[in-house]
């Protein structure tokens, strides 16, 4: 599940991921945020503090969104990942293509 909002003051789109981002939830994430990227053409902050699980489909959706953001010379920051979620980004090498900040407890 994803909750997203745009803040015109910072020109950032913030998306808070909740629960599990898997084969069932990833298409909604990708579709919702892709539309918002098109609309606002802004940087994206992905808040993972409430994310419990992400699979390869979810990671793939994030990569696709990064490509879309780069079309507008924008980027994605991923914040507040739990250690075991952060480890997935490390194992897959995705921590090298995403800007990652902070860890949730």
Protein backbone atom coordinates (compact mmCIF):
# COMPACT_ATOMS: atom_id res chain seq x y z
CA UNK A 1 0.00 0.00 0.00
CA UNK A 2 1.20 3.48 -0.81
CA UNK A 3 0.16 6.92 0.39
CA UNK A 4 1.56 9.71 -1.73
CA UNK A 5 1.36 13.49 -1.62
CA UNK A 6 3.03 16.36 -3.37
CA UNK A 7 4.42 19.32 -1.43
CA UNK A 8 4.70 22.42 -3.66
CA UNK A 9 6.81 24.20 -1.01
CA UNK A 10 9.65 21.66 -1.35
CA UNK A 11 8.73 20.51 -4.87
CA UNK A 12 8.89 16.92 -3.63
CA UNK A 13 6.59 13.98 -3.96
CA UNK A 14 6.58 11.90 -0.77
CA UNK A 15 5.38 8.30 -0.88
CA UNK A 16 4.95 6.33 2.32
CA UNK A 17 5.06 2.58 1.73
CA UNK A 18 3.06 0.46 4.17
CA UNK A 19 2.86 -3.26 4.78
CA UNK A 20 4.05 -5.47 1.94
CA UNK A 21 5.08 -4.41 -1.55
CA UNK A 22 4.88 -7.66 -3.46
CA UNK A 23 3.55 -8.99 -6.75
CA UNK A 24 0.05 -7.90 -5.73
CA UNK A 25 0.85 -4.38 -4.49
CA UNK A 26 3.71 -3.41 -6.83
CA UNK A 27 1.50 -2.56 -9.85
CA UNK A 28 -0.52 -0.08 -7.76
CA UNK A 29 2.68 1.51 -6.46
CA UNK A 30 4.14 1.83 -9.95
CA UNK A 31 0.95 3.17 -11.53
CA UNK A 32 0.13 5.67 -8.79
CA UNK A 33 3.62 7.14 -8.54
CA UNK A 34 4.22 7.15 -12.31
CA UNK A 35 1.12 9.33 -12.73
CA UNK A 36 2.31 11.67 -9.99
CA UNK A 37 5.78 11.91 -11.54
CA UNK A 38 4.17 12.84 -14.86
CA UNK A 39 2.00 15.46 -13.19
CA UNK A 40 4.57 17.13 -10.91
CA UNK A 41 7.95 16.29 -12.47
CA UNK A 42 9.55 16.46 -9.04
CA UNK A 43 12.00 14.55 -6.90
CA UNK A 44 10.55 11.64 -4.95
CA UNK A 45 11.08 10.65 -1.33
CA UNK A 46 10.13 7.05 -0.55
CA UNK A 47 9.52 6.63 3.19
CA UNK A 48 9.92 2.97 4.17
CA UNK A 49 9.37 3.34 7.93
CA UNK A 50 6.10 1.33 7.70
CA UNK A 51 7.31 -1.11 5.04
CA UNK A 52 7.44 -4.68 6.33
CA UNK A 53 8.37 -6.58 3.17
CA UNK A 54 9.35 -5.95 -0.43
CA UNK A 55 9.98 -8.60 -3.09
CA UNK A 56 11.69 -8.46 -6.46
CA UNK A 57 8.50 -7.17 -8.09
CA UNK A 58 8.44 -4.25 -5.67
CA UNK A 59 12.13 -3.55 -6.24
CA UNK A 60 11.50 -3.67 -9.98
CA UNK A 61 8.70 -1.13 -9.62
CA UNK A 62 11.07 1.23 -7.78
CA UNK A 63 13.68 0.86 -10.53
CA UNK A 64 11.03 1.64 -13.18
CA UNK A 65 9.99 4.73 -11.21
CA UNK A 66 13.61 5.86 -10.96
CA UNK A 67 13.93 5.60 -14.75
CA UNK A 68 10.76 7.68 -15.14
CA UNK A 69 12.03 10.30 -12.68
CA UNK A 70 15.35 10.50 -14.54
CA UNK A 71 13.42 11.31 -17.73
CA UNK A 72 12.74 14.65 -16.01
CA UNK A 73 16.24 14.93 -14.47
CA UNK A 74 14.80 14.05 -11.06
CA UNK A 75 15.77 11.40 -8.54
CA UNK A 76 14.47 9.14 -5.78
CA UNK A 77 15.59 9.20 -2.15
CA UNK A 78 14.70 6.20 -0.04
CA UNK A 79 14.51 6.92 3.68
CA UNK A 80 13.85 5.09 6.95
CA UNK A 81 14.48 1.52 5.77
CA UNK A 82 14.50 -1.24 8.34
CA UNK A 83 17.85 -3.10 8.48
CA UNK A 84 16.50 -6.23 6.79
CA UNK A 85 14.94 -4.15 3.98
CA UNK A 86 18.18 -2.21 3.57
CA UNK A 87 20.01 -5.52 3.27
CA UNK A 88 17.89 -6.39 0.20
CA UNK A 89 19.00 -3.17 -1.47
CA UNK A 90 22.62 -4.02 -0.61
CA UNK A 91 22.43 -7.62 -1.85
CA UNK A 92 20.81 -6.58 -5.13
CA UNK A 93 23.19 -3.65 -5.65
CA UNK A 94 20.29 -1.19 -5.68
CA UNK A 95 21.78 0.86 -2.87
CA UNK A 96 24.25 2.10 -5.50
CA UNK A 97 21.56 3.53 -7.78
CA UNK A 98 19.20 4.93 -5.14
CA UNK A 99 20.04 7.66 -2.66
CA UNK A 100 19.40 5.98 0.70
CA UNK A 101 19.16 7.83 4.00
CA UNK A 102 18.53 6.74 7.56
CA UNK A 103 17.36 3.47 9.01
CA UNK A 104 14.16 2.77 10.89
CA UNK A 105 14.36 0.82 14.11
